[in-house]
Amino acid sequence: MNLDDINWDFNEAGNWPFGVKIAAIALVSVILMGAWVYYDTLDQLDGLEKVEKTEITLKKTFERKQAKAVNLSAYKQQLKDMQKQFGAMLQQLPNKTQIADLLVDVSQAGLASGLEFSLFQPGGERRKDFYAEKPIKLTVVGSYHEFGEFVSNLAALPRIVTLHNVSLKPSGKGGRMTMNATAKTYRYLDEGDK
């Protein structure tokens, strides 16, 4: 078979030799498949890649939520425990009517420790988010150990009392010292107080 003897007119393709027909069909098939892949399949592959990325993100979200769901009963129990602890802490904050009793308790804690009060001056109440603090300026005279006992007595009170701005100075009276401090007590703000 000589390729120069073949009439390459497309209208005469039926008279081409069998091998040339097969080659032409294969070439046209390859061109059609290439065009089909280019125009249809590549877009689908891009879409598949985007969907696979979305799948990975959704799997991570699912795993995170599943881990939370598995521990849901533990979280609910932890929430109940925290609410119980919060209620117990709120009970340590006096209400408005108990502030006067608490001031007496602070004063008695100092006297029981053997301290002499030079100043016991309750200040005005300062409101915070859900509580109010009441500062009490204190100036007391006593020994170092009496101050320690006083702080211990304050810590033993059923209500919260904290000491701030503590300063100790010798008072010159046989080992006695003067302590200046601000004791703060706190109370929970009721709905009507806010």
N, C-alpha and C. Protein backbone atom coordinates (compact mmCIF):
# COMPACT_ATOMS: atom_id res chain seq x y z
N MET A 1 0.85 -1.17 0.00
CA MET A 1 0.00 0.00 0.00
C MET A 1 0.90 1.23 0.00
N ASN A 2 0.63 2.07 -0.96
CA ASN A 2 1.38 3.29 -1.12
C ASN A 2 0.45 4.44 -0.77
N LEU A 3 0.87 5.30 0.15
CA LEU A 3 0.01 6.39 0.61
C LEU A 3 -0.24 7.42 -0.47
N ASP A 4 0.63 7.47 -1.49
CA ASP A 4 0.42 8.43 -2.58
C ASP A 4 -0.73 8.00 -3.49
N ASP A 5 -1.07 6.71 -3.46
CA ASP A 5 -2.13 6.19 -4.32
C ASP A 5 -3.52 6.41 -3.71
N ILE A 6 -3.60 6.83 -2.48
CA ILE A 6 -4.88 6.98 -1.79
C ILE A 6 -5.46 8.35 -2.11
N ASN A 7 -6.77 8.37 -2.40
CA ASN A 7 -7.48 9.62 -2.61
C ASN A 7 -7.90 10.13 -1.23
N TRP A 8 -7.33 11.21 -0.82
CA TRP A 8 -7.55 11.71 0.55
C TRP A 8 -8.79 12.60 0.65
N ASP A 9 -9.60 12.60 -0.35
CA ASP A 9 -10.84 13.36 -0.29
C ASP A 9 -11.76 12.68 0.75
N PHE A 10 -12.32 13.46 1.63
CA PHE A 10 -13.13 12.92 2.72
C PHE A 10 -14.37 12.20 2.19
N ASN A 11 -14.87 12.66 1.02
CA ASN A 11 -16.03 12.00 0.42
C ASN A 11 -15.68 10.60 -0.09
N GLU A 12 -14.43 10.32 -0.28
CA GLU A 12 -13.97 9.01 -0.76
C GLU A 12 -13.45 8.15 0.39
N ALA A 13 -13.75 8.49 1.63
CA ALA A 13 -13.23 7.78 2.80
C ALA A 13 -13.68 6.32 2.81
N GLY A 14 -14.79 6.02 2.19
CA GLY A 14 -15.26 4.64 2.15
C GLY A 14 -14.38 3.74 1.30
N ASN A 15 -13.61 4.32 0.38
CA ASN A 15 -12.73 3.55 -0.50
C ASN A 15 -11.31 3.45 0.04
N TRP A 16 -11.08 4.05 1.21
CA TRP A 16 -9.72 4.00 1.78
C TRP A 16 -9.42 2.57 2.22
N PRO A 17 -8.15 2.22 2.29
CA PRO A 17 -7.80 0.88 2.77
C PRO A 17 -8.21 0.72 4.23
N PHE A 18 -8.41 -0.56 4.64
CA PHE A 18 -8.91 -0.87 5.98
C PHE A 18 -8.02 -0.28 7.08
N GLY A 19 -6.74 -0.36 6.98
CA GLY A 19 -5.82 0.16 8.00
C GLY A 19 -5.93 1.66 8.14
N VAL A 20 -6.11 2.36 7.01
CA VAL A 20 -6.23 3.82 7.05
C VAL A 20 -7.57 4.20 7.70
N LYS A 21 -8.64 3.42 7.37
CA LYS A 21 -9.93 3.69 8.00
C LYS A 21 -9.83 3.56 9.52
N ILE A 22 -9.18 2.47 9.97
CA ILE A 22 -9.02 2.25 11.41
C ILE A 22 -8.23 3.39 12.04
N ALA A 23 -7.16 3.81 11.38
CA ALA A 23 -6.32 4.91 11.90
C ALA A 23 -7.13 6.21 11.96
N ALA A 24 -7.95 6.48 10.91
CA ALA A 24 -8.75 7.70 10.89
C ALA A 24 -9.81 7.68 11.99
N ILE A 25 -10.46 6.50 12.16
CA ILE A 25 -11.46 6.37 13.22
C ILE A 25 -10.81 6.56 14.59
N ALA A 26 -9.63 5.97 14.78
CA ALA A 26 -8.92 6.11 16.06
C ALA A 26 -8.55 7.57 16.30
N LEU A 27 -8.08 8.27 15.26
CA LEU A 27 -7.70 9.67 15.40
C LEU A 27 -8.91 10.53 15.74
N VAL A 28 -10.02 10.32 15.05
CA VAL A 28 -11.24 11.09 15.34
C VAL A 28 -11.73 10.77 16.76
N SER A 29 -11.65 9.50 17.17
CA SER A 29 -12.08 9.11 18.53
C SER A 29 -11.23 9.80 19.59
N VAL A 30 -9.91 9.83 19.34
CA VAL A 30 -9.01 10.48 20.31
C VAL A 30 -9.33 11.97 20.40
N ILE A 31 -9.58 12.59 19.26
CA ILE A 31 -9.91 14.03 19.26
C ILE A 31 -11.23 14.27 20.00
N LEU A 32 -12.23 13.42 19.73
CA LEU A 32 -13.52 13.59 20.42
C LEU A 32 -13.38 13.36 21.93
N MET A 33 -12.64 12.31 22.31
CA MET A 33 -12.45 12.05 23.74
C MET A 33 -11.69 13.19 24.41
N GLY A 34 -10.68 13.75 23.74
CA GLY A 34 -9.94 14.88 24.29
C GLY A 34 -10.84 16.09 24.49
N ALA A 35 -11.70 16.37 23.49
CA ALA A 35 -12.63 17.50 23.61
C ALA A 35 -13.63 17.25 24.73
N TRP A 36 -14.11 16.00 24.84
CA TRP A 36 -15.08 15.66 25.89
C TRP A 36 -14.46 15.83 27.28
N VAL A 37 -13.22 15.34 27.44
CA VAL A 37 -12.53 15.48 28.73
C VAL A 37 -12.30 16.95 29.03
N TYR A 38 -11.87 17.71 28.01
CA TYR A 38 -11.57 19.12 28.25
C TYR A 38 -12.83 19.91 28.62
N TYR A 39 -13.92 19.70 27.89
CA TYR A 39 -15.12 20.52 28.10
C TYR A 39 -16.04 20.01 29.20
N ASP A 40 -16.00 18.73 29.52
CA ASP A 40 -16.95 18.20 30.48
C ASP A 40 -16.26 17.66 31.73
N THR A 41 -15.31 16.81 31.59
CA THR A 41 -14.72 16.09 32.72
C THR A 41 -13.85 17.00 33.60
N LEU A 42 -13.10 17.93 33.04
CA LEU A 42 -12.24 18.79 33.85
C LEU A 42 -13.07 19.65 34.82
N ASP A 43 -14.22 20.14 34.35
CA ASP A 43 -15.10 20.91 35.25
C ASP A 43 -15.61 20.02 36.38
N GLN A 44 -15.94 18.79 36.04
CA GLN A 44 -16.41 17.86 37.05
C GLN A 44 -15.30 17.53 38.06
N LEU A 45 -14.06 17.40 37.57
CA LEU A 45 -12.95 17.13 38.49
C LEU A 45 -12.71 18.31 39.44
N ASP A 46 -12.85 19.54 38.92
CA ASP A 46 -12.73 20.72 39.79
C ASP A 46 -13.84 20.71 40.85
N GLY A 47 -15.06 20.41 40.43
CA GLY A 47 -16.17 20.32 41.37
C GLY A 47 -15.95 19.23 42.40
N LEU A 48 -15.41 18.09 41.96
CA LEU A 48 -15.12 16.98 42.88
C LEU A 48 -14.08 17.39 43.92
N GLU A 49 -13.07 18.12 43.48
CA GLU A 49 -12.03 18.57 44.42
C GLU A 49 -12.62 19.51 45.48
N LYS A 50 -13.50 20.41 45.07
CA LYS A 50 -14.14 21.33 46.02
C LYS A 50 -15.02 20.56 47.00
N VAL A 51 -15.76 19.59 46.49
CA VAL A 51 -16.64 18.80 47.34
C VAL A 51 -15.81 17.96 48.33
N GLU A 52 -14.66 17.45 47.90
CA GLU A 52 -13.80 16.68 48.81
C GLU A 52 -13.26 17.55 49.94
N LYS A 53 -12.91 18.80 49.61
CA LYS A 53 -12.45 19.73 50.65
C LYS A 53 -13.58 20.02 51.64
N THR A 54 -14.78 20.22 51.11
CA THR A 54 -15.94 20.45 51.98
C THR A 54 -16.20 19.24 52.85
N GLU A 55 -16.02 18.05 52.29
CA GLU A 55 -16.22 16.82 53.05
C GLU A 55 -15.25 16.74 54.23
N ILE A 56 -14.00 17.11 54.00
CA ILE A 56 -13.01 17.08 55.09
C ILE A 56 -13.41 18.05 56.20
N THR A 57 -13.84 19.25 55.81
CA THR A 57 -14.27 20.23 56.81
C THR A 57 -15.49 19.72 57.59
N LEU A 58 -16.45 19.14 56.88
CA LEU A 58 -17.64 18.63 57.53
C LEU A 58 -17.31 17.45 58.45
N LYS A 59 -16.36 16.61 58.05
CA LYS A 59 -15.96 15.50 58.91
C LYS A 59 -15.36 16.00 60.21
N LYS A 60 -14.50 17.04 60.11
CA LYS A 60 -13.89 17.60 61.32
C LYS A 60 -14.97 18.20 62.23
N THR A 61 -15.92 18.92 61.63
CA THR A 61 -17.01 19.50 62.42
C THR A 61 -17.83 18.40 63.08
N PHE A 62 -18.12 17.35 62.33
CA PHE A 62 -18.88 16.23 62.86
C PHE A 62 -18.14 15.57 64.03
N GLU A 63 -16.83 15.34 63.86
CA GLU A 63 -16.05 14.70 64.93
C GLU A 63 -16.04 15.56 66.19
N ARG A 64 -15.92 16.88 66.00
CA ARG A 64 -15.92 17.79 67.15
C ARG A 64 -17.27 17.74 67.87
N LYS A 65 -18.35 17.79 67.09
CA LYS A 65 -19.68 17.76 67.69
C LYS A 65 -19.98 16.40 68.30
N GLN A 66 -19.48 15.35 67.68
CA GLN A 66 -19.70 14.00 68.22
C GLN A 66 -18.99 13.87 69.56
N ALA A 67 -17.76 14.42 69.66
CA ALA A 67 -17.02 14.35 70.92
C ALA A 67 -17.79 15.08 72.02
N LYS A 68 -18.41 16.20 71.67
CA LYS A 68 -19.22 16.93 72.66
C LYS A 68 -20.46 16.14 73.02
N ALA A 69 -21.09 15.54 72.01
CA ALA A 69 -22.31 14.78 72.27
C ALA A 69 -22.04 13.56 73.14
N VAL A 70 -20.89 12.93 72.94
CA VAL A 70 -20.54 11.76 73.76
C VAL A 70 -20.40 12.17 75.22
N ASN A 71 -19.86 13.37 75.45
CA ASN A 71 -19.62 13.84 76.82
C ASN A 71 -20.76 14.71 77.34
N LEU A 72 -21.90 14.71 76.66
CA LEU A 72 -23.00 15.59 77.06
C LEU A 72 -23.45 15.34 78.49
N SER A 73 -23.59 14.08 78.88
CA SER A 73 -24.05 13.81 80.24
C SER A 73 -23.02 14.29 81.27
N ALA A 74 -21.74 14.14 80.94
CA ALA A 74 -20.70 14.64 81.85
C ALA A 74 -20.76 16.17 81.93
N TYR A 75 -20.99 16.84 80.78
CA TYR A 75 -21.11 18.29 80.80
C TYR A 75 -22.32 18.75 81.61
N LYS A 76 -23.44 18.02 81.47
CA LYS A 76 -24.63 18.39 82.25
C LYS A 76 -24.38 18.23 83.74
N GLN A 77 -23.69 17.15 84.12
CA GLN A 77 -23.37 16.94 85.53
C GLN A 77 -22.42 18.03 86.03
N GLN A 78 -21.45 18.39 85.19
CA GLN A 78 -20.51 19.44 85.57
C GLN A 78 -21.25 20.77 85.74
N LEU A 79 -22.23 21.05 84.87
CA LEU A 79 -23.01 22.27 84.99
C LEU A 79 -23.80 22.28 86.29
N LYS A 80 -24.42 21.14 86.65
CA LYS A 80 -25.16 21.05 87.91
C LYS A 80 -24.23 21.29 89.10
N ASP A 81 -23.02 20.69 89.05
CA ASP A 81 -22.06 20.88 90.14
C ASP A 81 -21.65 22.34 90.26
N MET A 82 -21.42 22.98 89.10
CA MET A 82 -21.02 24.39 89.12
C MET A 82 -22.14 25.27 89.66
N GLN A 83 -23.40 24.96 89.29
CA GLN A 83 -24.51 25.74 89.81
C GLN A 83 -24.65 25.57 91.31
N LYS A 84 -24.40 24.34 91.79
CA LYS A 84 -24.46 24.09 93.23
C LYS A 84 -23.35 24.86 93.95
N GLN A 85 -22.13 24.85 93.38
CA GLN A 85 -21.02 25.59 93.98
C GLN A 85 -21.29 27.08 93.96
N PHE A 86 -21.87 27.56 92.85
CA PHE A 86 -22.18 28.99 92.76
C PHE A 86 -23.20 29.38 93.82
N GLY A 87 -24.20 28.52 94.04
CA GLY A 87 -25.19 28.78 95.08
C GLY A 87 -24.55 28.82 96.45
N ALA A 88 -23.60 27.90 96.69
CA ALA A 88 -22.91 27.89 97.99
C ALA A 88 -22.07 29.16 98.15
N MET A 89 -21.45 29.60 97.08
CA MET A 89 -20.65 30.83 97.16
C MET A 89 -21.53 32.05 97.38
N LEU A 90 -22.70 32.05 96.74
CA LEU A 90 -23.62 33.18 96.95
C LEU A 90 -24.07 33.26 98.40
N GLN A 91 -24.18 32.11 99.06
CA GLN A 91 -24.58 32.12 100.46
C GLN A 91 -23.50 32.73 101.34
N GLN A 92 -22.26 32.74 100.85
CA GLN A 92 -21.19 33.37 101.62
C GLN A 92 -21.22 34.89 101.49
N LEU A 93 -22.00 35.38 100.56
CA LEU A 93 -22.14 36.83 100.43
C LEU A 93 -23.38 37.25 101.21
N PRO A 94 -23.23 38.16 102.15
CA PRO A 94 -24.39 38.56 102.95
C PRO A 94 -25.36 39.39 102.12
N ASN A 95 -26.59 39.42 102.55
CA ASN A 95 -27.54 40.32 101.90
C ASN A 95 -27.52 41.65 102.65
N LYS A 96 -28.36 42.55 102.24
CA LYS A 96 -28.34 43.91 102.80
C LYS A 96 -28.54 43.91 104.31
N THR A 97 -29.39 43.05 104.80
CA THR A 97 -29.72 43.07 106.23
C THR A 97 -28.61 42.45 107.07
N GLN A 98 -27.74 41.64 106.46
CA GLN A 98 -26.69 40.96 107.22
C GLN A 98 -25.39 41.76 107.30
N ILE A 99 -25.28 42.87 106.58
CA ILE A 99 -24.04 43.65 106.57
C ILE A 99 -23.71 44.16 107.97
N ALA A 100 -24.69 44.67 108.69
CA ALA A 100 -24.43 45.20 110.04
C ALA A 100 -23.89 44.10 110.95
N ASP A 101 -24.47 42.91 110.87
CA ASP A 101 -23.98 41.79 111.68
C ASP A 101 -22.55 41.42 111.31
N LEU A 102 -22.25 41.50 110.01
CA LEU A 102 -20.90 41.17 109.57
C LEU A 102 -19.88 42.19 110.08
N LEU A 103 -20.26 43.46 110.13
CA LEU A 103 -19.37 44.49 110.66
C LEU A 103 -19.07 44.21 112.13
N VAL A 104 -20.08 43.78 112.85
CA VAL A 104 -19.89 43.42 114.26
C VAL A 104 -18.94 42.21 114.35
N ASP A 105 -19.11 41.24 113.47
CA ASP A 105 -18.24 40.05 113.48
C ASP A 105 -16.78 40.42 113.23
N VAL A 106 -16.53 41.35 112.30
CA VAL A 106 -15.15 41.79 112.01
C VAL A 106 -14.57 42.47 113.25
N SER A 107 -15.36 43.34 113.87
CA SER A 107 -14.91 44.03 115.08
C SER A 107 -14.62 43.03 116.20
N GLN A 108 -15.49 42.05 116.39
CA GLN A 108 -15.29 41.06 117.44
C GLN A 108 -14.08 40.16 117.15
N ALA A 109 -13.80 39.90 115.88
CA ALA A 109 -12.63 39.10 115.53
C ALA A 109 -11.36 39.81 115.96
N GLY A 110 -11.34 41.14 115.80
CA GLY A 110 -10.17 41.91 116.24
C GLY A 110 -10.04 41.95 117.75
N LEU A 111 -11.15 42.16 118.44
CA LEU A 111 -11.11 42.22 119.90
C LEU A 111 -10.75 40.86 120.50
N ALA A 112 -11.26 39.78 119.90
CA ALA A 112 -10.95 38.44 120.39
C ALA A 112 -9.47 38.10 120.20
N SER A 113 -8.83 38.77 119.24
CA SER A 113 -7.40 38.53 119.00
C SER A 113 -6.53 39.38 119.93
N GLY A 114 -7.13 40.28 120.69
CA GLY A 114 -6.37 41.13 121.61
C GLY A 114 -5.92 42.44 120.99
N LEU A 115 -6.49 42.82 119.88
CA LEU A 115 -6.11 44.06 119.21
C LEU A 115 -6.90 45.23 119.77
N GLU A 116 -6.27 46.40 119.70
CA GLU A 116 -6.93 47.64 120.09
C GLU A 116 -7.25 48.42 118.81
N PHE A 117 -8.51 48.77 118.64
CA PHE A 117 -8.91 49.50 117.43
C PHE A 117 -8.71 50.99 117.65
N SER A 118 -7.94 51.62 116.75
CA SER A 118 -7.82 53.07 116.73
C SER A 118 -8.80 53.66 115.72
N LEU A 119 -9.08 52.87 114.67
CA LEU A 119 -10.01 53.34 113.64
C LEU A 119 -10.79 52.14 113.12
N PHE A 120 -12.08 52.28 113.05
CA PHE A 120 -12.97 51.28 112.44
C PHE A 120 -14.02 52.09 111.69
N GLN A 121 -13.76 52.34 110.39
CA GLN A 121 -14.59 53.26 109.63
C GLN A 121 -15.15 52.56 108.38
N PRO A 122 -16.42 52.12 108.45
CA PRO A 122 -17.04 51.55 107.25
C PRO A 122 -17.23 52.61 106.18
N GLY A 123 -16.92 52.27 104.94
CA GLY A 123 -17.06 53.20 103.82
C GLY A 123 -18.35 52.95 103.06
N GLY A 124 -18.52 53.71 102.01
CA GLY A 124 -19.71 53.56 101.18
C GLY A 124 -19.61 52.32 100.30
N GLU A 125 -20.75 51.78 99.98
CA GLU A 125 -20.81 50.56 99.18
C GLU A 125 -20.49 50.88 97.72
N ARG A 126 -19.68 50.01 97.08
CA ARG A 126 -19.32 50.17 95.66
C ARG A 126 -19.93 49.01 94.89
N ARG A 127 -20.75 49.33 93.91
CA ARG A 127 -21.44 48.29 93.13
C ARG A 127 -20.54 47.81 91.99
N LYS A 128 -20.54 46.51 91.80
CA LYS A 128 -19.82 45.86 90.70
C LYS A 128 -20.85 45.16 89.83
N ASP A 129 -20.44 44.15 89.06
CA ASP A 129 -21.36 43.47 88.14
C ASP A 129 -22.56 42.87 88.85
N PHE A 130 -22.35 41.88 89.69
CA PHE A 130 -23.47 41.20 90.36
C PHE A 130 -23.33 41.25 91.88
N TYR A 131 -22.36 42.02 92.35
CA TYR A 131 -22.15 42.13 93.79
C TYR A 131 -21.76 43.57 94.13
N ALA A 132 -21.77 43.87 95.42
CA ALA A 132 -21.33 45.16 95.92
C ALA A 132 -20.28 44.91 97.00
N GLU A 133 -19.27 45.77 97.05
CA GLU A 133 -18.25 45.62 98.09
C GLU A 133 -18.36 46.78 99.07
N LYS A 134 -18.13 46.47 100.33
CA LYS A 134 -18.19 47.48 101.38
C LYS A 134 -16.83 47.51 102.06
N PRO A 135 -16.07 48.60 101.86
CA PRO A 135 -14.76 48.69 102.50
C PRO A 135 -14.87 49.21 103.93
N ILE A 136 -13.96 48.74 104.77
CA ILE A 136 -13.88 49.18 106.17
C ILE A 136 -12.42 49.54 106.43
N LYS A 137 -12.15 50.81 106.71
CA LYS A 137 -10.79 51.22 107.04
C LYS A 137 -10.50 50.84 108.48
N LEU A 138 -9.37 50.18 108.69
CA LEU A 138 -9.00 49.72 110.02
C LEU A 138 -7.62 50.25 110.39
N THR A 139 -7.49 50.66 111.62
CA THR A 139 -6.19 50.92 112.23
C THR A 139 -6.23 50.23 113.58
N VAL A 140 -5.36 49.23 113.75
CA VAL A 140 -5.35 48.46 114.99
C VAL A 140 -3.93 48.37 115.52
N VAL A 141 -3.84 48.23 116.83
CA VAL A 141 -2.54 48.12 117.50
C VAL A 141 -2.50 46.78 118.20
N GLY A 142 -1.37 46.08 118.04
CA GLY A 142 -1.22 44.78 118.67
C GLY A 142 0.12 44.17 118.31
N SER A 143 0.33 42.94 118.72
CA SER A 143 1.59 42.26 118.40
C SER A 143 1.43 41.53 117.06
N TYR A 144 2.55 41.09 116.55
CA TYR A 144 2.57 40.38 115.27
C TYR A 144 1.68 39.14 115.33
N HIS A 145 1.76 38.40 116.39
CA HIS A 145 0.96 37.18 116.54
C HIS A 145 -0.53 37.49 116.68
N GLU A 146 -0.86 38.62 117.32
CA GLU A 146 -2.26 39.01 117.42
C GLU A 146 -2.83 39.36 116.03
N PHE A 147 -1.98 39.98 115.19
CA PHE A 147 -2.42 40.26 113.82
C PHE A 147 -2.69 38.96 113.07
N GLY A 148 -1.81 37.98 113.24
CA GLY A 148 -2.00 36.68 112.60
C GLY A 148 -3.27 36.01 113.06
N GLU A 149 -3.56 36.10 114.36
CA GLU A 149 -4.79 35.51 114.88
C GLU A 149 -6.01 36.24 114.34
N PHE A 150 -5.91 37.57 114.19
CA PHE A 150 -7.00 38.37 113.64
C PHE A 150 -7.31 37.95 112.20
N VAL A 151 -6.28 37.80 111.39
CA VAL A 151 -6.47 37.38 110.00
C VAL A 151 -7.07 35.98 109.95
N SER A 152 -6.61 35.11 110.84
CA SER A 152 -7.16 33.76 110.91
C SER A 152 -8.63 33.80 111.31
N ASN A 153 -8.98 34.65 112.27
CA ASN A 153 -10.38 34.79 112.68
C ASN A 153 -11.25 35.32 111.55
N LEU A 154 -10.71 36.25 110.74
CA LEU A 154 -11.46 36.76 109.58
C LEU A 154 -11.70 35.66 108.56
N ALA A 155 -10.68 34.84 108.35
CA ALA A 155 -10.82 33.74 107.38
C ALA A 155 -11.83 32.70 107.86
N ALA A 156 -12.00 32.59 109.16
CA ALA A 156 -12.93 31.59 109.71
C ALA A 156 -14.38 32.07 109.71
N LEU A 157 -14.61 33.34 109.40
CA LEU A 157 -15.98 33.85 109.37
C LEU A 157 -16.78 33.13 108.28
N PRO A 158 -18.07 32.95 108.48
CA PRO A 158 -18.87 32.25 107.46
C PRO A 158 -19.08 33.10 106.20
N ARG A 159 -18.75 34.37 106.25
CA ARG A 159 -18.90 35.26 105.10
C ARG A 159 -17.52 35.64 104.58
N ILE A 160 -17.48 36.14 103.35
CA ILE A 160 -16.21 36.51 102.71
C ILE A 160 -15.79 37.89 103.19
N VAL A 161 -14.57 37.95 103.74
CA VAL A 161 -13.94 39.21 104.13
C VAL A 161 -12.50 39.13 103.66
N THR A 162 -12.04 40.16 102.93
CA THR A 162 -10.66 40.19 102.45
C THR A 162 -9.96 41.43 102.99
N LEU A 163 -8.64 41.34 103.13
CA LEU A 163 -7.84 42.47 103.59
C LEU A 163 -7.03 43.03 102.42
N HIS A 164 -6.98 44.36 102.32
CA HIS A 164 -6.26 45.02 101.24
C HIS A 164 -5.41 46.15 101.82
N ASN A 165 -4.37 46.51 101.09
CA ASN A 165 -3.50 47.64 101.44
C ASN A 165 -3.02 47.55 102.90
N VAL A 166 -2.52 46.40 103.27
CA VAL A 166 -2.05 46.17 104.64
C VAL A 166 -0.66 46.79 104.80
N SER A 167 -0.50 47.56 105.88
CA SER A 167 0.84 48.10 106.21
C SER A 167 1.05 47.96 107.71
N LEU A 168 2.24 47.49 108.09
CA LEU A 168 2.60 47.32 109.50
C LEU A 168 3.72 48.30 109.83
N LYS A 169 3.60 48.96 110.99
CA LYS A 169 4.63 49.89 111.45
C LYS A 169 4.83 49.68 112.94
N PRO A 170 6.05 49.76 113.40
CA PRO A 170 6.25 49.67 114.85
C PRO A 170 5.61 50.89 115.53
N SER A 171 4.95 50.64 116.65
CA SER A 171 4.29 51.75 117.34
C SER A 171 5.13 52.25 118.50
N GLY A 172 6.24 51.61 118.77
CA GLY A 172 7.14 52.07 119.81
C GLY A 172 6.68 51.74 121.21
N LYS A 173 5.73 50.87 121.38
CA LYS A 173 5.20 50.54 122.70
C LYS A 173 5.56 49.10 123.04
N GLY A 174 6.81 48.80 123.27
CA GLY A 174 7.25 47.47 123.71
C GLY A 174 6.93 46.35 122.73
N GLY A 175 7.35 46.46 121.46
CA GLY A 175 7.13 45.40 120.49
C GLY A 175 5.75 45.43 119.86
N ARG A 176 4.97 46.40 120.18
CA ARG A 176 3.64 46.51 119.60
C ARG A 176 3.77 47.15 118.21
N MET A 177 2.81 46.86 117.37
CA MET A 177 2.81 47.38 116.00
C MET A 177 1.45 47.97 115.69
N THR A 178 1.44 48.83 114.67
CA THR A 178 0.20 49.41 114.19
C THR A 178 -0.04 48.88 112.77
N MET A 179 -1.24 48.36 112.56
CA MET A 179 -1.59 47.87 111.23
C MET A 179 -2.68 48.75 110.67
N ASN A 180 -2.42 49.27 109.46
CA ASN A 180 -3.43 49.99 108.70
C ASN A 180 -3.84 49.07 107.56
N ALA A 181 -5.13 48.91 107.36
CA ALA A 181 -5.61 48.02 106.29
C ALA A 181 -7.03 48.43 105.92
N THR A 182 -7.45 47.89 104.81
CA THR A 182 -8.84 48.03 104.39
C THR A 182 -9.43 46.63 104.30
N ALA A 183 -10.42 46.37 105.12
CA ALA A 183 -11.12 45.09 105.04
C ALA A 183 -12.31 45.31 104.11
N LYS A 184 -12.52 44.35 103.21
CA LYS A 184 -13.65 44.47 102.30
C LYS A 184 -14.56 43.26 102.49
N THR A 185 -15.84 43.55 102.57
CA THR A 185 -16.83 42.49 102.60
C THR A 185 -17.74 42.70 101.39
N TYR A 186 -18.37 41.66 100.97
CA TYR A 186 -19.12 41.68 99.72
C TYR A 186 -20.54 41.20 99.96
N ARG A 187 -21.45 41.69 99.13
CA ARG A 187 -22.81 41.19 99.19
C ARG A 187 -23.34 41.05 97.77
N TYR A 188 -24.23 40.09 97.62
CA TYR A 188 -24.84 39.81 96.33
C TYR A 188 -25.93 40.85 96.06
N LEU A 189 -25.95 41.39 94.84
CA LEU A 189 -27.00 42.34 94.48
C LEU A 189 -28.24 41.59 94.04
N ASP A 190 -29.33 41.84 94.72
CA ASP A 190 -30.61 41.25 94.34
C ASP A 190 -31.10 41.92 93.06
N GLU A 191 -32.10 41.34 92.44
CA GLU A 191 -32.67 41.90 91.21
C GLU A 191 -33.17 43.33 91.44
N GLY A 192 -33.69 43.61 92.61
CA GLY A 192 -34.20 44.95 92.90
C GLY A 192 -33.08 45.96 93.11
N ASP A 193 -31.86 45.48 93.44
CA ASP A 193 -30.74 46.37 93.70
C ASP A 193 -30.06 46.87 92.43
N LYS A 194 -30.22 46.14 91.34
CA LYS A 194 -29.43 46.43 90.13
C LYS A 194 -29.90 47.63 89.38
